[in-house]
Amino acid sequence: MREDGKNCEVFFTLPEGIAEDSVRVSAAGGVVTLTMRDDDSGRSYMQRIRIPFGVERSDTVETVISNDVLRIRICPCATKR
């Protein structure tokens, strides 16, 4: 995770066998939740990570998957620190 004072980026390496279209990201309060499914075994995974600020409904959460790495970028509109 890295923060530049304006945005926060979180990086996850996806486990082998995870279907990119099964990856779901949600953010609420000060927690980002990542869920995903392994197509081969049918197992589901969930990971939660705390971020250094609360996420409001109007905040922007962007996700990109490249080379089995998920990048989550949170652009707060009006955060309380």
Protein backbone atom coordinates (compact mmCIF):
# COMPACT_ATOMS: atom_id res chain seq x y z
CA MET A 1 0.00 0.00 0.00
CA ARG A 2 1.17 3.51 -0.69
CA GLU A 3 -0.34 6.91 -0.02
CA ASP A 4 0.67 10.25 -1.46
CA GLY A 5 -1.48 12.46 0.74
CA LYS A 6 -4.26 12.64 -1.86
CA ASN A 7 -4.77 9.07 -3.06
CA CYS A 8 -4.18 5.59 -1.73
CA GLU A 9 -3.06 2.62 -3.82
CA VAL A 10 -3.21 -0.99 -2.69
CA PHE A 11 -1.55 -3.80 -4.65
CA PHE A 12 -2.43 -7.51 -4.44
CA THR A 13 -0.80 -10.41 -6.25
CA LEU A 14 -3.62 -12.71 -7.30
CA PRO A 15 -3.26 -16.41 -6.46
CA GLU A 16 -2.79 -18.82 -9.36
CA GLY A 17 -6.06 -20.00 -10.93
CA ILE A 18 -8.10 -16.92 -10.05
CA ALA A 19 -10.42 -15.79 -12.82
CA GLU A 20 -10.02 -12.04 -13.36
CA ASP A 21 -13.76 -11.62 -13.90
CA SER A 22 -14.43 -13.12 -10.44
CA VAL A 23 -12.48 -10.40 -8.61
CA ARG A 24 -14.71 -7.97 -6.73
CA VAL A 25 -13.55 -4.94 -4.74
CA SER A 26 -15.62 -2.89 -2.31
CA ALA A 27 -14.66 -0.12 0.07
CA ALA A 28 -16.54 1.19 3.07
CA GLY A 29 -15.37 3.17 6.05
CA GLY A 30 -11.67 2.48 6.45
CA VAL A 31 -11.71 -1.03 4.96
CA VAL A 32 -11.20 -2.36 1.41
CA THR A 33 -12.65 -5.85 0.84
CA LEU A 34 -11.42 -8.09 -1.96
CA THR A 35 -13.30 -11.27 -2.95
CA MET A 36 -12.39 -13.73 -5.69
CA ARG A 37 -13.04 -17.28 -6.89
CA ASP A 38 -10.73 -20.04 -8.13
CA ASP A 39 -12.31 -21.50 -11.28
CA ASP A 40 -10.53 -24.86 -10.98
CA SER A 41 -11.38 -25.71 -7.37
CA GLY A 42 -14.45 -23.49 -6.91
CA ARG A 43 -12.95 -22.05 -3.71
CA SER A 44 -13.72 -18.48 -2.76
CA TYR A 45 -11.28 -16.11 -1.09
CA MET A 46 -11.76 -12.88 0.82
CA GLN A 47 -9.16 -10.38 2.03
CA ARG A 48 -9.73 -7.19 4.02
CA ILE A 49 -7.24 -4.40 4.47
CA ARG A 50 -7.47 -1.24 6.51
CA ILE A 51 -6.65 2.03 4.80
CA PRO A 52 -5.55 5.23 6.55
CA PHE A 53 -8.83 7.09 5.94
CA GLY A 54 -12.56 6.48 5.66
CA VAL A 55 -14.13 5.97 2.25
CA GLU A 56 -17.22 8.02 1.48
CA ARG A 57 -19.92 7.07 -1.03
CA SER A 58 -18.76 9.83 -3.41
CA ASP A 59 -15.12 8.60 -3.44
CA THR A 60 -13.71 6.97 -6.55
CA VAL A 61 -12.38 3.41 -6.35
CA GLU A 62 -10.56 2.26 -9.50
CA THR A 63 -9.27 -1.26 -10.14
CA VAL A 64 -6.90 -2.61 -12.78
CA ILE A 65 -5.52 -6.16 -13.17
CA SER A 66 -2.26 -6.59 -15.07
CA ASN A 67 0.09 -9.60 -14.99
CA ASP A 68 -1.88 -11.15 -12.08
CA VAL A 69 -1.45 -7.99 -9.97
CA LEU A 70 -4.56 -6.12 -8.83
CA ARG A 71 -4.12 -2.38 -8.31
CA ILE A 72 -6.80 -0.59 -6.30
CA ARG A 73 -6.67 3.19 -6.37
CA ILE A 74 -8.87 5.19 -4.00
CA CYS A 75 -9.35 8.86 -4.78
CA PRO A 76 -11.08 10.48 -1.82
CA CYS A 77 -13.33 13.42 -2.56
CA ALA A 78 -13.74 14.57 1.03
CA THR A 79 -12.10 12.39 3.64
CA LYS A 80 -11.85 12.83 7.38
CA ARG A 81 -8.36 12.19 8.66
